[in-house]
C-alpha atoms as a PDB file:
ATOM      1  CA  MET A   1      45.521   3.438 110.450  1.00  0.00           C
ATOM      2  CA  SER A   2      43.165   2.062 113.109  1.00  0.00           C
ATOM      3  CA  ASP A   3      41.933  -1.487 112.950  1.00  0.00           C
ATOM      4  CA  VAL A   4      38.253  -2.182 113.405  1.00  0.00           C
ATOM      5  CA  LEU A   5      37.899  -3.982 116.700  1.00  0.00           C
ATOM      6  CA  ALA A   6      34.932  -6.085 117.787  1.00  0.00           C
ATOM      7  CA  GLU A   7      33.906  -3.224 120.080  1.00  0.00           C
ATOM      8  CA  ASP A   8      33.911  -0.826 117.123  1.00  0.00           C
ATOM      9  CA  GLN A   9      31.860  -3.243 115.037  1.00  0.00           C
ATOM     10  CA  LEU A  10      29.304  -3.438 117.851  1.00  0.00           C
ATOM     11  CA  LYS A  11      29.083   0.361 117.905  1.00  0.00           C
ATOM     12  CA  ILE A  12      28.583   0.436 114.129  1.00  0.00           C
ATOM     13  CA  CYS A  13      25.823  -2.182 114.380  1.00  0.00           C
ATOM     14  CA  GLU A  14      24.196  -0.301 117.250  1.00  0.00           C
ATOM     15  CA  PHE A  15      24.347   2.915 115.228  1.00  0.00           C
ATOM     16  CA  SER A  16      22.684   1.165 112.292  1.00  0.00           C
ATOM     17  CA  LYS A  17      19.975  -0.268 114.541  1.00  0.00           C
ATOM     18  CA  TYR A  18      19.098   3.129 116.055  1.00  0.00           C
ATOM     19  CA  PHE A  19      19.291   4.831 112.671  1.00  0.00           C
ATOM     20  CA  ASP A  20      16.755   2.352 111.250  1.00  0.00           C
ATOM     21  CA  LYS A  21      14.520   2.649 114.324  1.00  0.00           C
ATOM     22  CA  THR A  22      14.550   6.436 113.971  1.00  0.00           C
ATOM     23  CA  ASN A  23      13.582   6.287 110.306  1.00  0.00           C
ATOM     24  CA  MET A  24      10.756   3.833 111.027  1.00  0.00           C
ATOM     25  CA  ALA A  25       9.527   6.002 113.900  1.00  0.00           C
ATOM     26  CA  LYS A  26       9.514   9.074 111.645  1.00  0.00           C
ATOM     27  CA  GLN A  27       7.422   7.195 109.083  1.00  0.00           C
ATOM     28  CA  ARG A  28       5.009   6.058 111.809  1.00  0.00           C
ATOM     29  CA  LEU A  29       4.825   9.634 113.096  1.00  0.00           C
ATOM     30  CA  SER A  30       3.872  10.843 109.635  1.00  0.00           C
ATOM     31  CA  VAL A  31       1.069   8.255 109.411  1.00  0.00           C
ATOM     32  CA  LEU A  32      -0.243   9.128 112.879  1.00  0.00           C
ATOM     33  CA  SER A  33      -0.156  12.853 112.121  1.00  0.00           C
ATOM     34  CA  LYS A  34      -2.228  12.223 109.006  1.00  0.00           C
ATOM     35  CA  LYS A  35      -4.744  10.141 110.991  1.00  0.00           C
ATOM     36  CA  PHE A  36      -4.933  12.890 113.626  1.00  0.00           C
ATOM     37  CA  GLN A  37      -5.724  15.427 110.902  1.00  0.00           C
ATOM     38  CA  GLU A  38      -8.396  13.108 109.479  1.00  0.00           C
ATOM     39  CA  VAL A  39     -10.075  12.872 112.904  1.00  0.00           C
ATOM     40  CA  ASN A  40      -9.967  16.683 113.189  1.00  0.00           C
ATOM     41  CA  ASP A  41     -11.561  16.959 109.757  1.00  0.00           C
ATOM     42  CA  ALA A  42     -14.248  14.453 110.786  1.00  0.00           C
ATOM     43  CA  GLN A  43     -15.024  16.552 113.870  1.00  0.00           C
ATOM     44  CA  ASP A  44     -15.370  19.642 111.695  1.00  0.00           C
ATOM     45  CA  GLU A  45     -17.694  17.776 109.325  1.00  0.00           C
ATOM     46  CA  VAL A  46     -19.897  16.577 112.196  1.00  0.00           C
ATOM     47  CA  THR A  47     -20.162  20.113 113.526  1.00  0.00           C
ATOM     48  CA  ALA A  48     -20.949  21.640 110.133  1.00  0.00           C
ATOM     49  CA  SER A  49     -23.279  18.913 108.846  1.00  0.00           C
ATOM     50  CA  LEU A  50     -27.048  19.320 109.041  1.00  0.00           C
ATOM     51  CA  GLU A  51     -27.666  15.595 108.550  1.00  0.00           C
ATOM     52  CA  PRO A  52     -27.413  13.018 111.346  1.00  0.00           C
ATOM     53  CA  PRO A  53     -23.908  11.535 111.522  1.00  0.00           C
ATOM     54  CA  LEU A  54     -23.213   8.024 110.258  1.00  0.00           C
ATOM     55  CA  LEU A  55     -20.582   5.719 111.695  1.00  0.00           C
ATOM     56  CA  ARG A  56     -18.947   3.306 109.267  1.00  0.00           C
ATOM     57  CA  VAL A  57     -18.220  -0.174 110.542  1.00  0.00           C
ATOM     58  CA  GLY A  58     -16.864  -2.400 107.785  1.00  0.00           C
ATOM     59  CA  ASP A  59     -19.199  -1.974 104.822  1.00  0.00           C
ATOM     60  CA  CYS A  60     -22.150  -0.779 106.921  1.00  0.00           C
ATOM     61  CA  PHE A  61     -23.166   2.692 108.052  1.00  0.00           C
ATOM     62  CA  TYR A  62     -25.027   3.225 111.325  1.00  0.00           C
ATOM     63  CA  LYS A  63     -26.796   6.347 112.521  1.00  0.00           C
ATOM     64  CA  ILE A  64     -25.209   7.536 115.720  1.00  0.00           C
ATOM     65  CA  ASN A  65     -25.972  10.274 118.188  1.00  0.00           C
ATOM     66  CA  GLU A  66     -23.817  13.349 117.554  1.00  0.00           C
ATOM     67  CA  ASP A  67     -22.696  13.466 121.195  1.00  0.00           C
ATOM     68  CA  ASN A  68     -21.616   9.813 121.090  1.00  0.00           C
ATOM     69  CA  LEU A  69     -19.708  10.387 117.876  1.00  0.00           C
ATOM     70  CA  GLU A  70     -18.021  13.449 119.343  1.00  0.00           C
ATOM     71  CA  GLU A  71     -16.988  11.351 122.338  1.00  0.00           C
ATOM     72  CA  ILE A  72     -15.562   8.635 120.067  1.00  0.00           C
ATOM     73  CA  LEU A  73     -13.627  11.198 118.021  1.00  0.00           C
ATOM     74  CA  GLU A  74     -12.224  12.877 121.153  1.00  0.00           C
ATOM     75  CA  LYS A  75     -11.015   9.507 122.457  1.00  0.00           C
ATOM     76  CA  MET A  76      -9.410   8.755 119.087  1.00  0.00           C
ATOM     77  CA  LYS A  77      -7.643  12.141 119.160  1.00  0.00           C
ATOM     78  CA  ALA A  78      -6.408  11.566 122.703  1.00  0.00           C
ATOM     79  CA  ASP A  79      -5.084   8.106 121.805  1.00  0.00           C
ATOM     80  CA  LEU A  80      -3.366   9.424 118.675  1.00  0.00           C
ATOM     81  CA  ALA A  81      -1.866  12.376 120.571  1.00  0.00           C
ATOM     82  CA  GLY A  82      -0.456   9.969 123.167  1.00  0.00           C
ATOM     83  CA  ASP A  83       1.046   7.787 120.451  1.00  0.00           C
ATOM     84  CA  VAL A  84       2.548  10.839 118.726  1.00  0.00           C
ATOM     85  CA  GLU A  85       4.165  12.039 121.957  1.00  0.00           C
ATOM     86  CA  ARG A  86       5.553   8.566 122.704  1.00  0.00           C
ATOM     87  CA  ILE A  87       7.054   8.310 119.225  1.00  0.00           C
ATOM     88  CA  LYS A  88       8.551  11.820 119.458  1.00  0.00           C
ATOM     89  CA  THR A  89      10.178  10.821 122.752  1.00  0.00           C
ATOM     90  CA  ASP A  90      11.532   7.642 121.143  1.00  0.00           C
ATOM     91  CA  ILE A  91      12.941   9.663 118.231  1.00  0.00           C
ATOM     92  CA  ASP A  92      14.652  12.061 120.650  1.00  0.00           C
ATOM     93  CA  ASP A  93      16.141   9.167 122.641  1.00  0.00           C
ATOM     94  CA  HIS A  94      17.352   7.433 119.484  1.00  0.00           C
ATOM     95  CA  SER A  95      18.839  10.684 118.155  1.00  0.00           C
ATOM     96  CA  LYS A  96      20.843  11.170 121.358  1.00  0.00           C
ATOM     97  CA  LYS A  97      22.214   7.633 121.124  1.00  0.00           C
ATOM     98  CA  ILE A  98      23.014   8.127 117.440  1.00  0.00           C
ATOM     99  CA  MET A  99      24.942  11.335 118.180  1.00  0.00           C
ATOM    100  CA  SER A 100      26.863   9.638 120.987  1.00  0.00           C
ATOM    101  CA  LEU A 101      27.821   6.730 118.726  1.00  0.00           C
ATOM    102  CA  LYS A 102      28.711   9.090 115.859  1.00  0.00           C
ATOM    103  CA  THR A 103      31.017  11.051 118.137  1.00  0.00           C
ATOM    104  CA  ALA A 104      32.776   7.906 119.347  1.00  0.00           C
ATOM    105  CA  LEU A 105      33.134   6.422 115.863  1.00  0.00           C
ATOM    106  CA  TYR A 106      34.250   9.640 114.158  1.00  0.00           C
ATOM    107  CA  SER A 107      36.804  10.267 116.922  1.00  0.00           C
ATOM    108  CA  LYS A 108      38.382   6.881 116.192  1.00  0.00           C
ATOM    109  CA  PHE A 109      37.978   6.621 112.407  1.00  0.00           C
ATOM    110  CA  GLY A 110      37.735  10.249 111.298  1.00  0.00           C
ATOM    111  CA  ASN A 111      36.624  10.667 107.696  1.00  0.00           C
ATOM    112  CA  ARG A 112      37.282   6.991 106.893  1.00  0.00           C
ATOM    113  CA  ILE A 113      33.773   6.130 108.074  1.00  0.00           C
ATOM    114  CA  ASN A 114      30.528   7.520 106.671  1.00  0.00           C
ATOM    115  CA  LEU A 115      27.596   7.519 109.074  1.00  0.00           C
ATOM    116  CA  ASP A 116      25.221   9.791 107.177  1.00  0.00           C
END
């Protein structure tokens, strides 16, 4: 039976840290994907609407030029898409580290450790 060394404990803690970061990133990705869809829906509404678009700022609504609103929505989409890509990259990086740590820990402890 293998003893748990300080090095092993560090690997377990590192695994836990990356596992938590991955879960938080997946939740953030879900929120950003929803916001991206909302911006897409807003663009569709602006295109289909016969009334002048209104921009909500706090509790107030302001009439805004359709071209300006389209520009604002495109910038929002670009920013969200960039955030989504960054988070996907982070998730991939974390997943690789998790798999590496899992391999090392399972090779030492076998089925005596549960990392799922």
